[in-house]
C-alpha atoms as a PDB file:
ATOM      1  CA  MET A   1      40.893   9.588   0.710  1.00  0.00           C
ATOM      2  CA  ASP A   2      42.500   8.817   3.677  1.00  0.00           C
ATOM      3  CA  PHE A   3      41.666   5.918   5.737  1.00  0.00           C
ATOM      4  CA  LYS A   4      43.857   6.738   9.137  1.00  0.00           C
ATOM      5  CA  ASN A   5      41.053   9.259   9.966  1.00  0.00           C
ATOM      6  CA  MET A   6      38.304   6.180   9.059  1.00  0.00           C
ATOM      7  CA  ASP A   7      37.258   4.474  12.203  1.00  0.00           C
ATOM      8  CA  PHE A   8      37.017   0.273  11.467  1.00  0.00           C
ATOM      9  CA  GLU A   9      32.954   0.492  11.545  1.00  0.00           C
ATOM     10  CA  GLU A  10      33.367   3.052   8.589  1.00  0.00           C
ATOM     11  CA  ALA A  11      35.887   1.651   6.693  1.00  0.00           C
ATOM     12  CA  ILE A  12      33.323  -1.544   6.154  1.00  0.00           C
ATOM     13  CA  LYS A  13      30.585   0.503   6.013  1.00  0.00           C
ATOM     14  CA  ARG A  14      32.316   2.229   2.555  1.00  0.00           C
ATOM     15  CA  LEU A  15      33.941  -1.385   1.601  1.00  0.00           C
ATOM     16  CA  GLU A  16      30.210  -3.190   1.812  1.00  0.00           C
ATOM     17  CA  GLU A  17      29.276   0.434  -0.383  1.00  0.00           C
ATOM     18  CA  ILE A  18      32.624  -0.025  -2.529  1.00  0.00           C
ATOM     19  CA  THR A  19      30.900  -4.390  -3.348  1.00  0.00           C
ATOM     20  CA  ILE A  20      27.691  -3.513  -4.238  1.00  0.00           C
ATOM     21  CA  GLU A  21      28.447  -0.814  -6.972  1.00  0.00           C
ATOM     22  CA  LEU A  22      31.289  -3.564  -8.253  1.00  0.00           C
ATOM     23  CA  GLU A  23      28.399  -5.858  -8.741  1.00  0.00           C
ATOM     24  CA  GLY A  24      25.712  -3.548  -9.458  1.00  0.00           C
ATOM     25  CA  LYS A  25      26.686  -0.944 -11.182  1.00  0.00           C
ATOM     26  CA  ASP A  26      27.423  -1.171 -15.279  1.00  0.00           C
ATOM     27  CA  LEU A  27      30.297   1.057 -14.639  1.00  0.00           C
ATOM     28  CA  LYS A  28      33.542   1.911 -17.351  1.00  0.00           C
ATOM     29  CA  LEU A  29      36.496  -0.122 -16.782  1.00  0.00           C
ATOM     30  CA  GLU A  30      38.658   2.805 -15.037  1.00  0.00           C
ATOM     31  CA  GLU A  31      35.123   3.056 -12.256  1.00  0.00           C
ATOM     32  CA  ASN A  32      35.814  -0.252 -12.275  1.00  0.00           C
ATOM     33  CA  ILE A  33      39.678  -0.140 -11.107  1.00  0.00           C
ATOM     34  CA  GLU A  34      39.719   3.100  -9.385  1.00  0.00           C
ATOM     35  CA  LYS A  35      36.701   1.164  -7.077  1.00  0.00           C
ATOM     36  CA  TYR A  36      38.559  -1.124  -6.654  1.00  0.00           C
ATOM     37  CA  GLU A  37      41.606   0.318  -5.488  1.00  0.00           C
ATOM     38  CA  GLU A  38      39.351   1.645  -3.277  1.00  0.00           C
ATOM     39  CA  GLY A  39      38.607  -1.675  -2.218  1.00  0.00           C
ATOM     40  CA  MET A  40      41.391  -2.832  -1.397  1.00  0.00           C
ATOM     41  CA  LYS A  41      43.096  -0.191  -0.063  1.00  0.00           C
ATOM     42  CA  LEU A  42      39.970  -0.373   2.846  1.00  0.00           C
ATOM     43  CA  TYR A  43      40.829  -4.549   3.254  1.00  0.00           C
ATOM     44  CA  LYS A  44      44.265  -3.274   3.722  1.00  0.00           C
ATOM     45  CA  PHE A  45      43.214  -0.999   6.305  1.00  0.00           C
ATOM     46  CA  CYS A  46      40.771  -3.186   7.874  1.00  0.00           C
ATOM     47  CA  LYS A  47      43.335  -6.152   8.445  1.00  0.00           C
ATOM     48  CA  GLU A  48      46.169  -4.478   9.749  1.00  0.00           C
ATOM     49  CA  THR A  49      43.553  -3.057  12.321  1.00  0.00           C
ATOM     50  CA  LEU A  50      41.723  -5.747  13.319  1.00  0.00           C
ATOM     51  CA  VAL A  51      45.726  -7.486  13.968  1.00  0.00           C
ATOM     52  CA  SER A  52      46.791  -4.494  15.730  1.00  0.00           C
ATOM     53  CA  LYS A  53      43.131  -5.359  18.018  1.00  0.00           C
ATOM     54  CA  GLU A  54      43.662  -8.914  18.114  1.00  0.00           C
ATOM     55  CA  ASN A  55      47.665  -8.284  19.984  1.00  0.00           C
ATOM     56  CA  LYS A  56      46.761  -5.593  22.029  1.00  0.00           C
ATOM     57  CA  ILE A  57      43.626  -8.526  22.989  1.00  0.00           C
ATOM     58  CA  ASN A  58      46.372 -10.898  23.713  1.00  0.00           C
ATOM     59  CA  GLU A  59      48.929  -8.537  25.502  1.00  0.00           C
ATOM     60  CA  ILE A  60      46.461  -7.764  27.802  1.00  0.00           C
ATOM     61  CA  ILE A  61      45.551 -11.876  27.972  1.00  0.00           C
ATOM     62  CA  ASP A  62      49.015 -12.628  28.210  1.00  0.00           C
ATOM     63  CA  GLU A  63      49.729  -9.293  30.893  1.00  0.00           C
ATOM     64  CA  LEU A  64      46.264 -11.333  33.378  1.00  0.00           C
ATOM     65  CA  SER A  65      47.485 -15.037  32.637  1.00  0.00           C
END
């Protein structure tokens, strides 16, 4: 899955879905690993997005100060 074409809100929603799937379903080991890997990639994408937006906000504050 290409997370770069996904916006932040879509990524968070998918991450929540994966969490529910991992907590509630009796998945085979390989399926669990695949879901976990997708979740970690989504987590990284969301974290990088938040850091980027935080940096942008700090730039705006610095410019206006």
